[in-house]
N, C-alpha and C. Protein backbone atom coordinates (compact mmCIF):
# COMPACT_ATOMS: atom_id res chain seq x y z
N UNK A 1 113.31 107.34 138.36
CA UNK A 1 114.19 107.02 136.95
C UNK A 1 113.31 108.29 135.82
N UNK A 2 114.46 108.85 134.87
CA UNK A 2 113.88 109.27 133.89
C UNK A 2 114.04 108.42 132.59
N UNK A 3 113.68 109.10 131.81
CA UNK A 3 113.45 108.58 130.41
C UNK A 3 114.34 108.60 129.55
N UNK A 4 115.05 107.75 129.08
CA UNK A 4 116.28 107.90 128.25
C UNK A 4 115.97 107.85 127.04
N UNK A 5 117.29 107.76 125.91
CA UNK A 5 117.45 107.91 124.72
C UNK A 5 117.22 106.26 124.60
N UNK A 6 117.64 105.29 125.62
CA UNK A 6 117.08 103.83 125.19
C UNK A 6 115.16 103.47 124.71
N UNK A 7 115.11 104.42 125.76
CA UNK A 7 113.77 104.01 125.87
C UNK A 7 112.83 104.56 124.88
N UNK A 8 113.09 105.93 124.14
CA UNK A 8 113.38 106.36 122.85
C UNK A 8 113.22 105.18 121.68
N UNK A 9 114.84 104.75 121.82
CA UNK A 9 114.44 103.50 120.71
C UNK A 9 113.92 102.05 120.75
N UNK A 10 113.46 101.29 121.72
CA UNK A 10 112.63 100.96 122.03
C UNK A 10 111.01 101.08 121.82
N UNK A 11 110.70 103.08 122.45
CA UNK A 11 109.12 103.61 121.55
C UNK A 11 109.44 102.89 119.84
N UNK A 12 110.46 103.55 119.36
CA UNK A 12 110.15 103.63 117.59
C UNK A 12 110.00 102.11 116.96
N UNK A 13 110.65 101.26 118.08
CA UNK A 13 110.62 100.04 117.65
C UNK A 13 108.78 99.54 117.81
N UNK A 14 108.50 99.99 118.71
CA UNK A 14 107.30 99.59 119.38
C UNK A 14 106.45 100.38 118.22
N UNK A 15 106.65 101.62 117.91
CA UNK A 15 105.76 102.34 116.59
C UNK A 15 106.18 101.29 115.39
N UNK A 16 107.48 101.30 114.43
CA UNK A 16 107.21 100.48 113.58
C UNK A 16 106.14 99.06 113.69
N UNK A 17 106.25 98.66 114.79
CA UNK A 17 105.11 97.09 114.62
C UNK A 17 104.01 97.26 114.91
N UNK A 18 103.02 98.98 115.48
CA UNK A 18 101.85 99.11 115.26
C UNK A 18 101.86 100.01 113.77
N UNK A 19 102.79 100.22 113.15
CA UNK A 19 101.91 101.15 112.06
C UNK A 19 101.90 100.43 110.74
N UNK A 20 102.84 99.12 110.97
CA UNK A 20 102.53 97.89 110.28
C UNK A 20 101.16 97.16 110.66
N UNK A 21 101.02 97.18 112.14
CA UNK A 21 99.67 96.66 112.03
C UNK A 21 98.33 97.77 111.28
N UNK A 22 98.39 98.91 111.18
CA UNK A 22 97.72 99.44 110.70
C UNK A 22 97.35 99.91 109.45
N UNK A 23 98.44 99.03 108.62
CA UNK A 23 98.44 98.94 106.95
C UNK A 23 99.21 100.40 106.51
N UNK A 24 100.26 101.03 106.93
CA UNK A 24 100.79 101.97 106.78
C UNK A 24 102.04 102.15 107.45
N UNK A 25 103.35 100.81 106.93
CA UNK A 25 103.86 100.95 107.52
C UNK A 25 105.20 102.32 107.42
N UNK A 26 105.73 102.17 108.94
CA UNK A 26 107.03 103.13 108.84
C UNK A 26 107.98 102.76 109.69
N UNK A 27 108.96 102.49 109.27
CA UNK A 27 109.92 101.66 109.21
C UNK A 27 111.09 102.31 110.42
N UNK A 28 111.53 101.65 111.31
CA UNK A 28 112.78 102.06 112.59
C UNK A 28 113.57 103.90 111.67
N UNK A 29 113.97 102.98 110.15
CA UNK A 29 115.20 103.74 110.23
C UNK A 29 114.62 104.99 108.76
N UNK A 30 112.91 105.01 109.35
CA UNK A 30 112.22 106.07 108.47
C UNK A 30 111.84 107.27 109.95
N UNK A 31 112.29 106.58 111.05
CA UNK A 31 112.01 107.57 112.30
C UNK A 31 112.90 108.34 112.70
N UNK A 32 113.33 109.23 112.89
CA UNK A 32 114.79 110.13 113.64
C UNK A 32 113.99 110.44 114.97
N UNK A 33 115.24 110.88 115.62
CA UNK A 33 114.52 110.60 117.03
C UNK A 33 115.93 111.80 117.71
N UNK A 34 115.35 112.96 118.35
CA UNK A 34 115.91 113.79 119.05
C UNK A 34 115.40 113.66 120.18
N UNK A 35 117.07 113.71 121.24
CA UNK A 35 116.40 113.45 122.57
C UNK A 35 117.34 114.53 123.49
N UNK A 36 116.33 115.13 124.26
CA UNK A 36 117.43 115.94 124.87
C UNK A 36 117.48 116.07 126.03
N UNK A 37 118.05 115.63 126.92
CA UNK A 37 118.27 115.91 128.78
C UNK A 37 117.88 117.07 129.09
N UNK A 38 117.86 117.05 129.88
CA UNK A 38 117.77 118.17 131.24
C UNK A 38 119.08 119.11 130.81
N UNK A 39 118.34 120.25 130.33
CA UNK A 39 119.54 121.66 130.73
C UNK A 39 120.18 121.04 128.86
N UNK A 40 119.90 120.58 128.05
CA UNK A 40 120.09 120.82 126.72
C UNK A 40 119.31 120.48 126.10
N UNK A 41 118.19 121.59 125.72
CA UNK A 41 117.07 121.58 124.83
C UNK A 41 117.65 122.67 123.73
N UNK A 42 118.39 121.95 122.89
CA UNK A 42 118.98 122.85 121.63
C UNK A 42 118.43 122.58 120.41
N UNK A 43 117.22 123.23 120.83
CA UNK A 43 116.03 122.27 119.28
C UNK A 43 116.78 122.85 117.85
N UNK A 44 115.99 122.23 117.15
CA UNK A 44 116.66 122.35 115.35
C UNK A 44 115.10 122.68 115.04
N UNK A 45 114.92 123.77 114.36
CA UNK A 45 113.82 124.18 114.04
C UNK A 45 112.87 122.58 113.16
N UNK A 46 111.83 122.89 113.09
CA UNK A 46 111.09 121.79 112.40
C UNK A 46 111.08 122.11 110.75
N UNK A 47 111.93 121.41 110.01
CA UNK A 47 111.92 122.12 108.73
C UNK A 47 109.96 121.80 108.09
N UNK A 48 110.12 122.31 106.94
CA UNK A 48 108.67 122.16 106.03
C UNK A 48 108.42 120.62 105.77
N UNK A 49 109.33 119.95 105.30
CA UNK A 49 109.29 118.78 104.94
C UNK A 49 109.36 117.71 105.66
N UNK A 50 109.07 117.80 107.41
CA UNK A 50 108.72 117.00 108.68
C UNK A 50 107.53 117.20 108.87
N UNK A 51 107.29 116.52 109.97
CA UNK A 51 106.16 116.34 111.22
C UNK A 51 106.70 115.70 112.54
N UNK A 52 106.34 115.68 113.72
CA UNK A 52 106.82 115.40 114.38
C UNK A 52 105.97 115.07 115.61
N UNK A 53 106.30 114.14 116.46
CA UNK A 53 105.81 114.06 117.51
C UNK A 53 106.61 114.32 118.78
N UNK A 54 106.56 115.06 119.95
CA UNK A 54 107.07 115.94 120.56
C UNK A 54 106.54 115.51 122.25
N UNK A 55 107.66 114.87 123.06
CA UNK A 55 107.04 114.92 124.64
C UNK A 55 108.07 115.36 125.17
N UNK A 56 107.29 115.58 126.44
CA UNK A 56 108.24 115.84 127.58
C UNK A 56 108.28 115.53 129.47
N UNK A 57 109.29 115.12 129.91
CA UNK A 57 108.79 113.90 130.50
C UNK A 57 109.86 114.98 132.24
N UNK A 58 108.90 114.96 133.12
CA UNK A 58 110.08 115.15 133.95
C UNK A 58 110.18 113.83 135.18
N UNK A 59 111.25 113.91 135.36
CA UNK A 59 111.12 112.71 135.77
C UNK A 59 111.31 111.64 135.35
N UNK A 60 110.52 110.58 135.69
CA UNK A 60 109.10 109.16 135.01
C UNK A 60 108.09 109.81 134.78
N UNK A 61 107.65 110.97 135.08
CA UNK A 61 106.47 111.09 134.08
C UNK A 61 106.11 112.32 133.18
N UNK A 62 105.54 111.95 132.60
CA UNK A 62 105.07 112.43 131.00
C UNK A 62 103.98 113.81 131.27
N UNK A 63 104.36 114.70 130.95
CA UNK A 63 104.26 115.96 131.18
C UNK A 63 102.92 115.99 130.14
N UNK A 64 103.74 116.51 129.22
CA UNK A 64 103.03 116.65 127.79
C UNK A 64 103.66 115.63 126.18
N UNK A 65 102.50 115.38 125.80
CA UNK A 65 102.47 114.97 124.14
C UNK A 65 101.51 115.48 123.33
N UNK A 66 102.75 115.66 122.03
CA UNK A 66 101.61 115.87 121.15
C UNK A 66 102.76 116.43 119.83
N UNK A 67 101.67 116.65 119.25
CA UNK A 67 102.50 116.46 117.53
C UNK A 67 102.27 118.09 116.56
N UNK A 68 103.15 118.14 115.80
CA UNK A 68 103.14 119.32 115.34
C UNK A 68 104.15 118.92 113.56
N UNK A 69 102.61 119.62 112.65
CA UNK A 69 103.35 119.38 111.27
C UNK A 69 104.08 120.21 110.53
N UNK A 70 104.31 119.85 109.15
CA UNK A 70 105.12 120.43 108.57
C UNK A 70 104.99 122.21 108.46
N UNK A 71 104.04 122.88 109.00
CA UNK A 71 103.67 124.01 109.09
C UNK A 71 103.97 124.47 110.50
N UNK A 72 104.19 123.75 111.91
CA UNK A 72 103.77 124.41 112.40
C UNK A 72 105.09 124.06 113.74
N UNK A 73 106.35 124.97 112.59
CA UNK A 73 107.26 125.14 113.62
C UNK A 73 107.38 125.82 114.61
N UNK A 74 106.67 126.95 115.43
CA UNK A 74 106.55 127.14 117.00
C UNK A 74 106.38 126.60 117.49
N UNK A 75 105.04 125.82 117.51
CA UNK A 75 104.59 124.82 118.30
C UNK A 75 105.54 123.66 118.08
N UNK A 76 106.64 123.02 117.11
CA UNK A 76 107.43 122.46 117.87
C UNK A 76 108.03 123.42 118.93
N UNK A 77 109.14 124.35 118.37
CA UNK A 77 110.49 124.72 118.53
C UNK A 77 110.12 125.57 119.63
N UNK A 78 108.87 126.15 120.03
CA UNK A 78 109.36 127.20 120.95
C UNK A 78 107.91 127.77 122.55
N UNK A 79 106.43 127.11 121.24
CA UNK A 79 105.24 127.77 122.38
C UNK A 79 105.34 126.76 123.63
N UNK A 80 106.03 125.62 123.45
CA UNK A 80 105.24 124.99 125.04
C UNK A 80 106.45 125.76 126.57
N UNK A 81 107.60 126.86 125.68
CA UNK A 81 108.44 127.21 127.24
C UNK A 81 107.58 128.97 127.40
N UNK A 82 106.81 129.32 126.69
CA UNK A 82 106.18 130.94 127.04
C UNK A 82 104.81 130.37 126.96
N UNK A 83 104.65 130.52 128.55
CA UNK A 83 102.73 130.54 129.21
C UNK A 83 101.94 131.56 128.01
N UNK A 84 101.72 132.31 127.28
CA UNK A 84 101.43 133.48 126.83
C UNK A 84 101.16 133.26 125.41
N UNK A 85 102.26 132.29 125.01
CA UNK A 85 102.64 131.90 123.44
C UNK A 85 101.34 130.81 122.42
N UNK A 86 100.83 130.09 123.36
CA UNK A 86 99.25 130.18 122.70
C UNK A 86 97.85 129.25 123.38
N UNK A 87 97.02 128.77 123.10
CA UNK A 87 95.65 129.04 123.91
C UNK A 87 96.27 127.82 125.26
N UNK A 88 97.23 126.58 124.71
CA UNK A 88 97.24 125.84 125.36
C UNK A 88 98.74 125.58 125.05
N UNK A 89 99.64 125.21 125.99
CA UNK A 89 101.01 124.75 126.17
C UNK A 89 101.57 124.94 127.40
N UNK A 90 102.40 124.06 127.50
CA UNK A 90 103.18 123.19 128.70
C UNK A 90 103.34 124.39 129.56
N UNK A 91 104.18 124.91 129.65
CA UNK A 91 104.54 126.20 130.75
C UNK A 91 102.55 126.72 130.94
N UNK A 92 101.89 126.88 130.52
CA UNK A 92 100.96 127.91 130.67
C UNK A 92 100.25 126.24 131.84
N UNK A 93 100.41 124.71 130.86
CA UNK A 93 99.72 124.44 132.28
C UNK A 93 100.50 124.45 133.71
N UNK A 94 102.14 124.19 133.66
CA UNK A 94 102.92 123.92 134.57
C UNK A 94 102.48 125.44 135.79
N UNK A 95 102.52 126.60 135.45
CA UNK A 95 102.02 127.72 136.19
C UNK A 95 100.87 127.89 136.63
N UNK A 96 99.61 127.25 136.00
CA UNK A 96 98.36 126.69 136.40
C UNK A 96 98.36 125.86 137.09
N UNK A 97 99.04 124.84 137.74
CA UNK A 97 98.86 123.57 138.49
C UNK A 97 99.41 123.93 139.84
N UNK A 98 98.75 123.22 140.60
CA UNK A 98 98.62 123.45 142.24
C UNK A 98 100.00 122.86 142.23
N UNK A 99 100.31 121.16 141.96
CA UNK A 99 101.48 120.99 142.44
C UNK A 99 102.76 121.55 141.71
N UNK A 100 102.76 122.19 140.94
CA UNK A 100 103.89 123.00 140.34
C UNK A 100 103.96 124.28 140.54
N UNK A 101 103.29 125.26 140.44
CA UNK A 101 103.12 126.68 140.68
C UNK A 101 103.82 126.26 141.94
N UNK A 102 103.93 125.78 143.14
CA UNK A 102 104.71 126.55 144.62
C UNK A 102 106.25 127.09 144.12
N UNK A 103 106.37 126.42 143.33
CA UNK A 103 108.14 126.15 142.77
C UNK A 103 108.58 126.46 141.83
N UNK A 104 107.84 127.12 140.49
CA UNK A 104 108.25 127.87 139.63
C UNK A 104 107.15 128.88 139.15
N UNK A 105 107.95 129.75 138.45
CA UNK A 105 107.25 130.95 138.23
C UNK A 105 107.52 131.14 137.09
N UNK A 106 105.94 132.15 136.54
CA UNK A 106 105.69 132.48 135.24
C UNK A 106 106.86 133.17 134.62
N UNK A 107 107.55 134.13 134.70
CA UNK A 107 108.77 134.64 134.18
C UNK A 107 109.52 133.63 134.16
N UNK A 108 110.42 132.34 134.94
CA UNK A 108 110.72 131.33 134.50
C UNK A 108 110.48 130.12 134.46
N UNK A 109 109.65 129.59 133.75
CA UNK A 109 108.51 129.10 133.71
C UNK A 109 109.44 127.83 132.39
N UNK A 110 109.88 128.16 131.23
CA UNK A 110 110.75 128.49 130.15
C UNK A 110 112.18 127.23 130.56
N UNK A 111 112.59 128.31 131.51
CA UNK A 111 113.57 127.72 131.94
C UNK A 111 113.78 126.61 132.73
N UNK A 112 112.66 126.53 133.85
CA UNK A 112 112.70 125.65 134.75
C UNK A 112 112.27 124.41 133.47
N UNK A 113 111.44 124.63 132.44
CA UNK A 113 111.20 123.32 131.53
C UNK A 113 112.69 122.56 130.63
N UNK A 114 113.57 123.54 130.49
CA UNK A 114 114.48 123.53 129.68
C UNK A 114 115.61 122.62 130.86
N UNK A 115 115.62 123.37 132.14
CA UNK A 115 116.51 122.17 133.27
C UNK A 115 115.94 121.20 133.46
N UNK A 116 114.79 121.12 133.78
CA UNK A 116 113.97 119.82 134.38
C UNK A 116 113.43 118.75 133.81
N UNK A 117 113.28 118.85 132.52
CA UNK A 117 112.54 117.69 131.56
C UNK A 117 113.53 117.25 130.92
N UNK A 118 113.26 116.03 130.21
CA UNK A 118 113.76 115.39 129.03
C UNK A 118 112.76 115.84 127.87
N UNK A 119 113.75 115.91 126.77
CA UNK A 119 112.89 116.16 126.07
C UNK A 119 112.87 115.08 124.61
N UNK A 120 111.90 114.62 124.45
CA UNK A 120 112.12 113.66 123.09
C UNK A 120 110.79 113.67 122.03
N UNK A 121 111.48 113.85 120.51
CA UNK A 121 110.79 114.07 119.26
C UNK A 121 111.19 112.83 118.52
N UNK A 122 109.91 112.87 117.74
CA UNK A 122 110.08 111.71 117.11
C UNK A 122 110.09 112.20 115.48
N UNK A 123 110.96 112.13 114.62
CA UNK A 123 110.88 113.24 113.37
C UNK A 123 110.37 112.00 112.52
N UNK A 124 109.34 112.56 111.43
CA UNK A 124 108.83 111.96 110.15
C UNK A 124 109.16 112.51 109.35
N UNK A 125 108.35 111.58 108.08
CA UNK A 125 108.05 112.98 106.56
C UNK A 125 107.28 113.50 106.52
N UNK A 126 107.26 114.51 105.97
CA UNK A 126 105.63 114.86 105.54
C UNK A 126 104.18 113.78 104.90
N UNK A 127 105.32 113.34 104.85
CA UNK A 127 104.30 111.86 103.67
C UNK A 127 103.97 111.06 104.34
N UNK A 128 104.44 111.10 105.49
CA UNK A 128 103.60 109.56 106.55
C UNK A 128 102.07 110.58 107.00
N UNK A 129 100.78 109.74 106.28
CA UNK A 129 99.51 110.31 106.46
C UNK A 129 99.66 110.63 108.46
N UNK A 130 98.85 111.93 108.48
CA UNK A 130 98.26 112.67 109.62
C UNK A 130 97.59 111.68 110.57
N UNK A 131 97.07 110.48 109.65
CA UNK A 131 96.11 109.35 111.05
C UNK A 131 96.92 108.72 111.74
N UNK A 132 98.63 108.23 111.04
CA UNK A 132 99.31 107.24 111.55
C UNK A 132 100.19 108.23 112.59
N UNK A 133 100.38 109.57 112.29
CA UNK A 133 101.19 110.43 113.18
C UNK A 133 100.49 110.22 114.62
N UNK A 134 98.97 110.36 114.53
CA UNK A 134 98.10 110.79 115.55
C UNK A 134 97.71 109.48 116.06
N UNK A 135 98.13 108.37 115.32
CA UNK A 135 97.87 107.14 115.91
C UNK A 135 99.59 106.85 116.63
N UNK A 136 100.59 107.55 116.60
CA UNK A 136 101.91 107.25 117.40
C UNK A 136 101.43 108.00 118.68
N UNK A 137 100.87 109.35 118.30
CA UNK A 137 100.61 110.62 119.72
C UNK A 137 100.18 109.46 120.89
N UNK A 138 98.82 108.72 120.28
CA UNK A 138 97.86 108.32 120.53
C UNK A 138 98.56 106.91 121.45
N UNK A 139 99.58 107.06 121.01
CA UNK A 139 99.94 105.55 121.30
C UNK A 139 100.75 105.91 122.69
N UNK A 140 101.88 106.98 122.70
CA UNK A 140 102.13 107.43 123.67
C UNK A 140 101.23 107.92 125.08
N UNK A 141 100.62 109.10 124.34
CA UNK A 141 99.47 109.53 125.12
C UNK A 141 98.93 108.18 126.33
N UNK A 142 99.16 106.72 125.80
CA UNK A 142 98.38 105.68 126.72
C UNK A 142 99.18 105.05 127.49
N UNK A 143 99.92 105.15 126.69
CA UNK A 143 101.71 104.23 127.47
C UNK A 143 101.92 105.11 129.17
N UNK A 144 101.82 106.40 128.36
CA UNK A 144 102.53 107.44 129.47
C UNK A 144 101.65 108.70 130.85
N UNK A 145 100.28 108.64 130.19
CA UNK A 145 99.86 109.59 130.61
C UNK A 145 99.84 110.35 131.13
N UNK A 146 100.25 111.67 130.31
CA UNK A 146 100.86 113.13 130.73
C UNK A 146 99.99 113.33 131.48
N UNK A 147 100.62 114.05 132.27
CA UNK A 147 99.82 114.78 133.50
C UNK A 147 98.55 116.33 132.16
N UNK A 148 99.11 116.91 131.51
CA UNK A 148 98.63 118.00 130.75
C UNK A 148 98.11 117.45 129.67
N UNK A 149 97.41 117.65 129.21
CA UNK A 149 96.65 117.03 127.88
C UNK A 149 95.55 118.25 127.61
N UNK A 150 95.58 118.66 126.83
CA UNK A 150 94.30 119.45 125.57
C UNK A 150 94.38 120.76 126.58
N UNK A 151 93.11 121.16 126.57
CA UNK A 151 92.71 122.46 127.40
C UNK A 151 91.87 122.71 128.08
C-alpha cells in the first residue's frame, strides 16, 4: 500500500496538534500540501517566502525526509534526482544501496525516482521558526523511519 494524499492531510492535522503543544501553533490552513504520485513529479519552485518539508515514499516505505529553507530551492526542487548534485541526496543513496542498485542505473536514477515514488511536500511560511520546521521533520522521520537519512 502506498502513501496517499489522505495520509498527508492526516499528517497535517497531527502536526497542527504538535505545534500547539510546542508553543508555536501552526494551524492546518497555514500548511500547504503538494502531493505527487509516481510518474507525476512536476514540482513548482520553492518561493523565497516559503520553506518546506519534503518526503519520498516507495510503496509504503519512506526513503527520504528532509527540509528546505527559503534559500534552498535547488535542494527542494532538483538535487535529490541527480546523484552528483550534492553531498547527500536520494539519488546517490539509491545507487549506493545494495537493495536498489541491482535495478537502478546511475544515469536513470532520477527518472526512476520520478516514476516510482510518491512525494509529499508540506509548505510553510518563512515566518515559521526553523525549530518548528525541524520538529515536523523529526516527527515524520520518527513515524516513517526513512531508509536514507544523513550522510
